[in-house]
Amino acid sequence: MSSPVVKRSIVIAGHKTSVSLEDAFWQGLKEIAVLRQMTLSDLVASIDTGRHHGNLSSAIRLFVLDYYRAQGSDPRKAADPLHEDATPQSVSFAG
């Protein structure tokens, strides 16, 4: 089963932007926002602020991947993948 990339619009930091994500990453991002009690826009804004390289869509994919990787290895990191004790891989937005 394929998961086509879909372009979605979101408002971050007061301006509208679009991100192209597969549905699985979009669903994962929404789940993380709910668990962190954040709006989707606020979560994407924090990812955008923390990225150093690459585009926003790539940064979101890496963030979601790192979140679920951390969940499997350390429950504290799963609750907050940007936790100060997180490994460098779990906070890197480089693509």
PDB file of N, CA and C in Angstrom:
ATOM      1  N   MET A   1       0.843  -1.169   0.000  1.00  0.00           N
ATOM      2  CA  MET A   1       0.000   0.000   0.000  1.00  0.00           C
ATOM      3  C   MET A   1       0.889   1.233   0.000  1.00  0.00           C
ATOM      4  N   SER A   2       0.598   2.156  -0.870  1.00  0.00           N
ATOM      5  CA  SER A   2       1.426   3.357  -0.961  1.00  0.00           C
ATOM      6  C   SER A   2       0.845   4.474  -0.113  1.00  0.00           C
ATOM      7  N   SER A   3       1.712   5.391   0.251  1.00  0.00           N
ATOM      8  CA  SER A   3       1.315   6.571   1.005  1.00  0.00           C
ATOM      9  C   SER A   3       1.823   7.784   0.244  1.00  0.00           C
ATOM     10  N   PRO A   4       1.014   8.303  -0.661  1.00  0.00           N
ATOM     11  CA  PRO A   4       1.480   9.416  -1.479  1.00  0.00           C
ATOM     12  C   PRO A   4       1.762  10.666  -0.649  1.00  0.00           C
ATOM     13  N   VAL A   5       2.675  11.438  -1.148  1.00  0.00           N
ATOM     14  CA  VAL A   5       3.009  12.706  -0.502  1.00  0.00           C
ATOM     15  C   VAL A   5       1.887  13.691  -0.812  1.00  0.00           C
ATOM     16  N   VAL A   6       1.382  14.334   0.231  1.00  0.00           N
ATOM     17  CA  VAL A   6       0.305  15.298   0.084  1.00  0.00           C
ATOM     18  C   VAL A   6       0.790  16.645   0.606  1.00  0.00           C
ATOM     19  N   LYS A   7       0.544  17.688  -0.160  1.00  0.00           N
ATOM     20  CA  LYS A   7       0.911  19.033   0.255  1.00  0.00           C
ATOM     21  C   LYS A   7      -0.204  19.591   1.120  1.00  0.00           C
ATOM     22  N   ARG A   8       0.160  20.053   2.317  1.00  0.00           N
ATOM     23  CA  ARG A   8      -0.810  20.627   3.249  1.00  0.00           C
ATOM     24  C   ARG A   8      -0.346  22.016   3.648  1.00  0.00           C
ATOM     25  N   SER A   9      -1.292  22.894   3.907  1.00  0.00           N
ATOM     26  CA  SER A   9      -0.972  24.252   4.354  1.00  0.00           C
ATOM     27  C   SER A   9      -1.124  24.335   5.855  1.00  0.00           C
ATOM     28  N   ILE A  10      -0.249  25.104   6.484  1.00  0.00           N
ATOM     29  CA  ILE A  10      -0.290  25.308   7.927  1.00  0.00           C
ATOM     30  C   ILE A  10       0.223  26.713   8.217  1.00  0.00           C
ATOM     31  N   VAL A  11      -0.295  27.323   9.257  1.00  0.00           N
ATOM     32  CA  VAL A  11       0.149  28.655   9.661  1.00  0.00           C
ATOM     33  C   VAL A  11       1.126  28.487  10.815  1.00  0.00           C
ATOM     34  N   ILE A  12       2.339  28.988  10.617  1.00  0.00           N
ATOM     35  CA  ILE A  12       3.344  28.986  11.683  1.00  0.00           C
ATOM     36  C   ILE A  12       3.941  30.377  11.783  1.00  0.00           C
ATOM     37  N   ALA A  13       4.113  30.820  12.996  1.00  0.00           N
ATOM     38  CA  ALA A  13       4.686  32.137  13.262  1.00  0.00           C
ATOM     39  C   ALA A  13       3.957  33.220  12.470  1.00  0.00           C
ATOM     40  N   GLY A  14       2.652  33.072  12.350  1.00  0.00           N
ATOM     41  CA  GLY A  14       1.840  34.081  11.707  1.00  0.00           C
ATOM     42  C   GLY A  14       1.837  34.089  10.190  1.00  0.00           C
ATOM     43  N   HIS A  15       2.521  33.147   9.566  1.00  0.00           N
ATOM     44  CA  HIS A  15       2.474  33.102   8.105  1.00  0.00           C
ATOM     45  C   HIS A  15       2.122  31.700   7.626  1.00  0.00           C
ATOM     46  N   LYS A  16       1.460  31.665   6.493  1.00  0.00           N
ATOM     47  CA  LYS A  16       1.016  30.405   5.919  1.00  0.00           C
ATOM     48  C   LYS A  16       2.156  29.787   5.113  1.00  0.00           C
ATOM     49  N   THR A  17       2.362  28.504   5.325  1.00  0.00           N
ATOM     50  CA  THR A  17       3.375  27.773   4.574  1.00  0.00           C
ATOM     51  C   THR A  17       2.806  26.409   4.231  1.00  0.00           C
ATOM     52  N   SER A  18       3.449  25.733   3.331  1.00  0.00           N
ATOM     53  CA  SER A  18       2.975  24.396   2.975  1.00  0.00           C
ATOM     54  C   SER A  18       4.082  23.383   3.219  1.00  0.00           C
ATOM     55  N   VAL A  19       3.657  22.194   3.600  1.00  0.00           N
ATOM     56  CA  VAL A  19       4.583  21.086   3.797  1.00  0.00           C
ATOM     57  C   VAL A  19       4.054  19.895   3.010  1.00  0.00           C
ATOM     58  N   SER A  20       4.958  19.132   2.468  1.00  0.00           N
ATOM     59  CA  SER A  20       4.599  17.929   1.724  1.00  0.00           C
ATOM     60  C   SER A  20       5.007  16.717   2.547  1.00  0.00           C
ATOM     61  N   LEU A  21       4.006  15.974   3.020  1.00  0.00           N
ATOM     62  CA  LEU A  21       4.256  14.829   3.892  1.00  0.00           C
ATOM     63  C   LEU A  21       3.389  13.649   3.491  1.00  0.00           C
ATOM     64  N   GLU A  22       3.919  12.461   3.689  1.00  0.00           N
ATOM     65  CA  GLU A  22       3.132  11.254   3.567  1.00  0.00           C
ATOM     66  C   GLU A  22       2.134  11.224   4.725  1.00  0.00           C
ATOM     67  N   ASP A  23       1.013  10.558   4.523  1.00  0.00           N
ATOM     68  CA  ASP A  23      -0.035  10.528   5.528  1.00  0.00           C
ATOM     69  C   ASP A  23       0.451   9.963   6.862  1.00  0.00           C
ATOM     70  N   ALA A  24       1.309   8.966   6.837  1.00  0.00           N
ATOM     71  CA  ALA A  24       1.806   8.367   8.087  1.00  0.00           C
ATOM     72  C   ALA A  24       2.565   9.391   8.929  1.00  0.00           C
ATOM     73  N   PHE A  25       3.354  10.242   8.284  1.00  0.00           N
ATOM     74  CA  PHE A  25       4.079  11.271   9.023  1.00  0.00           C
ATOM     75  C   PHE A  25       3.123  12.345   9.531  1.00  0.00           C
ATOM     76  N   TRP A  26       2.121  12.697   8.738  1.00  0.00           N
ATOM     77  CA  TRP A  26       1.138  13.686   9.154  1.00  0.00           C
ATOM     78  C   TRP A  26       0.370  13.172  10.377  1.00  0.00           C
ATOM     79  N   GLN A  27      -0.049  11.902  10.343  1.00  0.00           N
ATOM     80  CA  GLN A  27      -0.771  11.320  11.476  1.00  0.00           C
ATOM     81  C   GLN A  27       0.120  11.259  12.718  1.00  0.00           C
ATOM     82  N   GLY A  28       1.369  10.872  12.531  1.00  0.00           N
ATOM     83  CA  GLY A  28       2.303  10.829  13.657  1.00  0.00           C
ATOM     84  C   GLY A  28       2.517  12.207  14.268  1.00  0.00           C
ATOM     85  N   LEU A  29       2.625  13.210  13.420  1.00  0.00           N
ATOM     86  CA  LEU A  29       2.807  14.584  13.894  1.00  0.00           C
ATOM     87  C   LEU A  29       1.600  15.035  14.708  1.00  0.00           C
ATOM     88  N   LYS A  30       0.403  14.710  14.230  1.00  0.00           N
ATOM     89  CA  LYS A  30      -0.808  15.085  14.966  1.00  0.00           C
ATOM     90  C   LYS A  30      -0.874  14.360  16.315  1.00  0.00           C
ATOM     91  N   GLU A  31      -0.481  13.093  16.350  1.00  0.00           N
ATOM     92  CA  GLU A  31      -0.469  12.339  17.618  1.00  0.00           C
ATOM     93  C   GLU A  31       0.492  12.972  18.613  1.00  0.00           C
ATOM     94  N   ILE A  32       1.661  13.335  18.151  1.00  0.00           N
ATOM     95  CA  ILE A  32       2.660  13.954  19.035  1.00  0.00           C
ATOM     96  C   ILE A  32       2.130  15.276  19.578  1.00  0.00           C
ATOM     97  N   ALA A  33       1.500  16.073  18.745  1.00  0.00           N
ATOM     98  CA  ALA A  33       0.943  17.351  19.188  1.00  0.00           C
ATOM     99  C   ALA A  33      -0.087  17.136  20.299  1.00  0.00           C
ATOM    100  N   VAL A  34      -0.953  16.136  20.129  1.00  0.00           N
ATOM    101  CA  VAL A  34      -1.961  15.840  21.148  1.00  0.00           C
ATOM    102  C   VAL A  34      -1.284  15.406  22.447  1.00  0.00           C
ATOM    103  N   LEU A  35      -0.308  14.511  22.343  1.00  0.00           N
ATOM    104  CA  LEU A  35       0.385  14.014  23.536  1.00  0.00           C
ATOM    105  C   LEU A  35       1.135  15.120  24.268  1.00  0.00           C
ATOM    106  N   ARG A  36       1.645  16.079  23.522  1.00  0.00           N
ATOM    107  CA  ARG A  36       2.386  17.190  24.125  1.00  0.00           C
ATOM    108  C   ARG A  36       1.475  18.355  24.482  1.00  0.00           C
ATOM    109  N   GLN A  37       0.177  18.186  24.236  1.00  0.00           N
ATOM    110  CA  GLN A  37      -0.829  19.215  24.512  1.00  0.00           C
ATOM    111  C   GLN A  37      -0.457  20.536  23.838  1.00  0.00           C
ATOM    112  N   MET A  38      -0.151  20.421  22.542  1.00  0.00           N
ATOM    113  CA  MET A  38       0.220  21.574  21.728  1.00  0.00           C
ATOM    114  C   MET A  38      -0.675  21.599  20.501  1.00  0.00           C
ATOM    115  N   THR A  39      -0.808  22.775  19.931  1.00  0.00           N
ATOM    116  CA  THR A  39      -1.471  22.817  18.631  1.00  0.00           C
ATOM    117  C   THR A  39      -0.492  22.299  17.597  1.00  0.00           C
ATOM    118  N   LEU A  40      -1.025  21.844  16.491  1.00  0.00           N
ATOM    119  CA  LEU A  40      -0.181  21.379  15.397  1.00  0.00           C
ATOM    120  C   LEU A  40       0.726  22.509  14.916  1.00  0.00           C
ATOM    121  N   SER A  41       0.167  23.695  14.820  1.00  0.00           N
ATOM    122  CA  SER A  41       0.952  24.861  14.375  1.00  0.00           C
ATOM    123  C   SER A  41       2.102  25.155  15.326  1.00  0.00           C
ATOM    124  N   ASP A  42       1.856  25.073  16.627  1.00  0.00           N
ATOM    125  CA  ASP A  42       2.924  25.328  17.598  1.00  0.00           C
ATOM    126  C   ASP A  42       4.023  24.274  17.516  1.00  0.00           C
ATOM    127  N   LEU A  43       3.624  23.020  17.347  1.00  0.00           N
ATOM    128  CA  LEU A  43       4.616  21.957  17.227  1.00  0.00           C
ATOM    129  C   LEU A  43       5.459  22.148  15.972  1.00  0.00           C
ATOM    130  N   VAL A  44       4.818  22.441  14.856  1.00  0.00           N
ATOM    131  CA  VAL A  44       5.569  22.658  13.614  1.00  0.00           C
ATOM    132  C   VAL A  44       6.472  23.880  13.745  1.00  0.00           C
ATOM    133  N   ALA A  45       6.007  24.918  14.434  1.00  0.00           N
ATOM    134  CA  ALA A  45       6.848  26.104  14.641  1.00  0.00           C
ATOM    135  C   ALA A  45       8.091  25.756  15.458  1.00  0.00           C
ATOM    136  N   SER A  46       7.945  24.895  16.464  1.00  0.00           N
ATOM    137  CA  SER A  46       9.108  24.507  17.267  1.00  0.00           C
ATOM    138  C   SER A  46      10.083  23.661  16.450  1.00  0.00           C
ATOM    139  N   ILE A  47       9.553  22.813  15.579  1.00  0.00           N
ATOM    140  CA  ILE A  47      10.420  22.027  14.695  1.00  0.00           C
ATOM    141  C   ILE A  47      11.149  22.955  13.729  1.00  0.00           C
ATOM    142  N   ASP A  48      10.419  23.921  13.187  1.00  0.00           N
ATOM    143  CA  ASP A  48      11.001  24.880  12.248  1.00  0.00           C
ATOM    144  C   ASP A  48      12.122  25.675  12.906  1.00  0.00           C
ATOM    145  N   THR A  49      11.916  26.100  14.131  1.00  0.00           N
ATOM    146  CA  THR A  49      12.922  26.873  14.859  1.00  0.00           C
ATOM    147  C   THR A  49      14.170  26.041  15.134  1.00  0.00           C
ATOM    148  N   GLY A  50      13.981  24.742  15.406  1.00  0.00           N
ATOM    149  CA  GLY A  50      15.104  23.886  15.770  1.00  0.00           C
ATOM    150  C   GLY A  50      15.892  23.307  14.620  1.00  0.00           C
ATOM    151  N   ARG A  51      15.412  23.465  13.406  1.00  0.00           N
ATOM    152  CA  ARG A  51      16.128  22.843  12.283  1.00  0.00           C
ATOM    153  C   ARG A  51      17.304  23.709  11.856  1.00  0.00           C
ATOM    154  N   HIS A  52      18.338  23.026  11.402  1.00  0.00           N
ATOM    155  CA  HIS A  52      19.557  23.712  10.979  1.00  0.00           C
ATOM    156  C   HIS A  52      19.789  23.591   9.483  1.00  0.00           C
ATOM    157  N   HIS A  53      19.286  22.544   8.883  1.00  0.00           N
ATOM    158  CA  HIS A  53      19.500  22.289   7.458  1.00  0.00           C
ATOM    159  C   HIS A  53      18.238  21.674   6.869  1.00  0.00           C
ATOM    160  N   GLY A  54      18.171  21.667   5.577  1.00  0.00           N
ATOM    161  CA  GLY A  54      17.071  20.984   4.910  1.00  0.00           C
ATOM    162  C   GLY A  54      15.790  21.785   4.951  1.00  0.00           C
ATOM    163  N   ASN A  55      14.770  21.220   4.330  1.00  0.00           N
ATOM    164  CA  ASN A  55      13.494  21.921   4.296  1.00  0.00           C
ATOM    165  C   ASN A  55      12.605  21.484   5.453  1.00  0.00           C
ATOM    166  N   LEU A  56      11.519  22.204   5.646  1.00  0.00           N
ATOM    167  CA  LEU A  56      10.630  21.936   6.766  1.00  0.00           C
ATOM    168  C   LEU A  56      10.010  20.547   6.693  1.00  0.00           C
ATOM    169  N   SER A  57       9.619  20.106   5.519  1.00  0.00           N
ATOM    170  CA  SER A  57       9.035  18.768   5.393  1.00  0.00           C
ATOM    171  C   SER A  57      10.014  17.693   5.861  1.00  0.00           C
ATOM    172  N   SER A  58      11.266  17.820   5.485  1.00  0.00           N
ATOM    173  CA  SER A  58      12.286  16.852   5.923  1.00  0.00           C
ATOM    174  C   SER A  58      12.483  16.921   7.427  1.00  0.00           C
ATOM    175  N   ALA A  59      12.509  18.128   7.975  1.00  0.00           N
ATOM    176  CA  ALA A  59      12.687  18.294   9.416  1.00  0.00           C
ATOM    177  C   ALA A  59      11.533  17.639  10.179  1.00  0.00           C
ATOM    178  N   ILE A  60      10.322  17.773   9.664  1.00  0.00           N
ATOM    179  CA  ILE A  60       9.163  17.145  10.313  1.00  0.00           C
ATOM    180  C   ILE A  60       9.279  15.629  10.258  1.00  0.00           C
ATOM    181  N   ARG A  61       9.659  15.088   9.104  1.00  0.00           N
ATOM    182  CA  ARG A  61       9.819  13.632   8.998  1.00  0.00           C
ATOM    183  C   ARG A  61      10.849  13.122  10.008  1.00  0.00           C
ATOM    184  N   LEU A  62      11.977  13.799  10.105  1.00  0.00           N
ATOM    185  CA  LEU A  62      13.021  13.386  11.045  1.00  0.00           C
ATOM    186  C   LEU A  62      12.548  13.500  12.487  1.00  0.00           C
ATOM    187  N   PHE A  63      11.807  14.549  12.791  1.00  0.00           N
ATOM    188  CA  PHE A  63      11.279  14.739  14.134  1.00  0.00           C
ATOM    189  C   PHE A  63      10.353  13.584  14.511  1.00  0.00           C
ATOM    190  N   VAL A  64       9.423  13.255  13.623  1.00  0.00           N
ATOM    191  CA  VAL A  64       8.477  12.165  13.888  1.00  0.00           C
ATOM    192  C   VAL A  64       9.232  10.838  14.018  1.00  0.00           C
ATOM    193  N   LEU A  65      10.160  10.578  13.125  1.00  0.00           N
ATOM    194  CA  LEU A  65      10.955   9.352  13.192  1.00  0.00           C
ATOM    195  C   LEU A  65      11.707   9.273  14.512  1.00  0.00           C
ATOM    196  N   ASP A  66      12.375  10.351  14.895  1.00  0.00           N
ATOM    197  CA  ASP A  66      13.129  10.375  16.148  1.00  0.00           C
ATOM    198  C   ASP A  66      12.225  10.181  17.357  1.00  0.00           C
ATOM    199  N   TYR A  67      11.040  10.760  17.309  1.00  0.00           N
ATOM    200  CA  TYR A  67      10.094  10.616  18.410  1.00  0.00           C
ATOM    201  C   TYR A  67       9.747   9.144  18.628  1.00  0.00           C
ATOM    202  N   TYR A  68       9.388   8.463  17.556  1.00  0.00           N
ATOM    203  CA  TYR A  68       8.985   7.065  17.700  1.00  0.00           C
ATOM    204  C   TYR A  68      10.173   6.138  17.941  1.00  0.00           C
ATOM    205  N   ARG A  69      11.338   6.482  17.457  1.00  0.00           N
ATOM    206  CA  ARG A  69      12.543   5.704  17.801  1.00  0.00           C
ATOM    207  C   ARG A  69      12.819   5.810  19.289  1.00  0.00           C
ATOM    208  N   ALA A  70      12.733   7.027  19.822  1.00  0.00           N
ATOM    209  CA  ALA A  70      12.986   7.246  21.246  1.00  0.00           C
ATOM    210  C   ALA A  70      11.949   6.524  22.098  1.00  0.00           C
ATOM    211  N   GLN A  71      10.730   6.461  21.629  1.00  0.00           N
ATOM    212  CA  GLN A  71       9.668   5.781  22.357  1.00  0.00           C
ATOM    213  C   GLN A  71      10.010   4.313  22.567  1.00  0.00           C
ATOM    214  N   GLY A  72      10.654   3.726  21.586  1.00  0.00           N
ATOM    215  CA  GLY A  72      11.029   2.327  21.688  1.00  0.00           C
ATOM    216  C   GLY A  72      12.222   2.080  22.580  1.00  0.00           C
ATOM    217  N   SER A  73      13.043   3.114  22.803  1.00  0.00           N
ATOM    218  CA  SER A  73      14.268   2.909  23.565  1.00  0.00           C
ATOM    219  C   SER A  73      14.231   3.509  24.967  1.00  0.00           C
ATOM    220  N   ASP A  74      13.519   4.624  25.170  1.00  0.00           N
ATOM    221  CA  ASP A  74      13.525   5.288  26.460  1.00  0.00           C
ATOM    222  C   ASP A  74      12.232   6.086  26.614  1.00  0.00           C
ATOM    223  N   PRO A  75      11.329   5.659  27.474  1.00  0.00           N
ATOM    224  CA  PRO A  75      10.040   6.338  27.609  1.00  0.00           C
ATOM    225  C   PRO A  75      10.150   7.823  27.955  1.00  0.00           C
ATOM    226  N   ARG A  76      11.202   8.238  28.691  1.00  0.00           N
ATOM    227  CA  ARG A  76      11.354   9.670  29.010  1.00  0.00           C
ATOM    228  C   ARG A  76      11.541  10.480  27.742  1.00  0.00           C
ATOM    229  N   LYS A  77      12.314   9.986  26.810  1.00  0.00           N
ATOM    230  CA  LYS A  77      12.553  10.697  25.565  1.00  0.00           C
ATOM    231  C   LYS A  77      11.310  10.693  24.694  1.00  0.00           C
ATOM    232  N   ALA A  78      10.517   9.641  24.782  1.00  0.00           N
ATOM    233  CA  ALA A  78       9.296   9.575  23.978  1.00  0.00           C
ATOM    234  C   ALA A  78       8.323  10.668  24.400  1.00  0.00           C
ATOM    235  N   ALA A  79       8.286  10.973  25.687  1.00  0.00           N
ATOM    236  CA  ALA A  79       7.400  12.027  26.159  1.00  0.00           C
ATOM    237  C   ALA A  79       7.857  13.380  25.632  1.00  0.00           C
ATOM    238  N   ASP A  80       9.153  13.549  25.442  1.00  0.00           N
ATOM    239  CA  ASP A  80       9.692  14.806  24.928  1.00  0.00           C
ATOM    240  C   ASP A  80      10.986  14.520  24.186  1.00  0.00           C
ATOM    241  N   PRO A  81      10.932  14.350  22.857  1.00  0.00           N
ATOM    242  CA  PRO A  81      12.138  13.994  22.105  1.00  0.00           C
ATOM    243  C   PRO A  81      13.198  15.082  22.121  1.00  0.00           C
ATOM    244  N   LEU A  82      12.859  16.264  22.603  1.00  0.00           N
ATOM    245  CA  LEU A  82      13.842  17.339  22.714  1.00  0.00           C
ATOM    246  C   LEU A  82      14.371  17.441  24.133  1.00  0.00           C
ATOM    247  N   HIS A  83      14.143  16.383  24.946  1.00  0.00           N
ATOM    248  CA  HIS A  83      14.599  16.340  26.334  1.00  0.00           C
ATOM    249  C   HIS A  83      16.097  16.572  26.387  1.00  0.00           C
ATOM    250  N   GLU A  84      16.555  17.271  27.408  1.00  0.00           N
ATOM    251  CA  GLU A  84      17.979  17.620  27.490  1.00  0.00           C
ATOM    252  C   GLU A  84      18.893  16.408  27.555  1.00  0.00           C
ATOM    253  N   ASP A  85      18.374  15.251  27.971  1.00  0.00           N
ATOM    254  CA  ASP A  85      19.190  14.039  28.014  1.00  0.00           C
ATOM    255  C   ASP A  85      19.141  13.254  26.718  1.00  0.00           C
ATOM    256  N   ALA A  86      18.435  13.781  25.721  1.00  0.00           N
ATOM    257  CA  ALA A  86      18.291  13.065  24.455  1.00  0.00           C
ATOM    258  C   ALA A  86      19.629  12.965  23.745  1.00  0.00           C
ATOM    259  N   THR A  87      19.786  11.902  22.986  1.00  0.00           N
ATOM    260  CA  THR A  87      21.002  11.731  22.217  1.00  0.00           C
ATOM    261  C   THR A  87      21.031  12.719  21.062  1.00  0.00           C
ATOM    262  N   PRO A  88      22.203  13.051  20.521  1.00  0.00           N
ATOM    263  CA  PRO A  88      22.256  13.998  19.402  1.00  0.00           C
ATOM    264  C   PRO A  88      21.391  13.596  18.228  1.00  0.00           C
ATOM    265  N   GLN A  89      21.243  12.292  17.947  1.00  0.00           N
ATOM    266  CA  GLN A  89      20.417  11.881  16.813  1.00  0.00           C
ATOM    267  C   GLN A  89      18.965  12.274  17.021  1.00  0.00           C
ATOM    268  N   SER A  90      18.488  12.278  18.282  1.00  0.00           N
ATOM    269  CA  SER A  90      17.084  12.535  18.501  1.00  0.00           C
ATOM    270  C   SER A  90      16.721  14.015  18.457  1.00  0.00           C
ATOM    271  N   VAL A  91      17.726  14.890  18.391  1.00  0.00           N
ATOM    272  CA  VAL A  91      17.407  16.308  18.300  1.00  0.00           C
ATOM    273  C   VAL A  91      17.915  16.923  17.011  1.00  0.00           C
ATOM    274  N   SER A  92      18.532  16.128  16.176  1.00  0.00           N
ATOM    275  CA  SER A  92      19.081  16.641  14.918  1.00  0.00           C
ATOM    276  C   SER A  92      18.006  16.775  13.872  1.00  0.00           C
ATOM    277  N   PHE A  93      17.955  17.926  13.243  1.00  0.00           N
ATOM    278  CA  PHE A  93      17.018  18.140  12.152  1.00  0.00           C
ATOM    279  C   PHE A  93      17.728  18.208  10.827  1.00  0.00           C
ATOM    280  N   ALA A  94      19.012  17.844  10.811  1.00  0.00           N
ATOM    281  CA  ALA A  94      19.789  17.867   9.565  1.00  0.00           C
ATOM    282  C   ALA A  94      19.305  16.757   8.665  1.00  0.00           C
ATOM    283  N   GLY A  95      19.284  17.018   7.375  1.00  0.00           N
ATOM    284  CA  GLY A  95      18.793  15.978   6.459  1.00  0.00           C
ATOM    285  C   GLY A  95      19.773  15.547   5.505  1.00  0.00           C
TER     286      GLY A  95
END
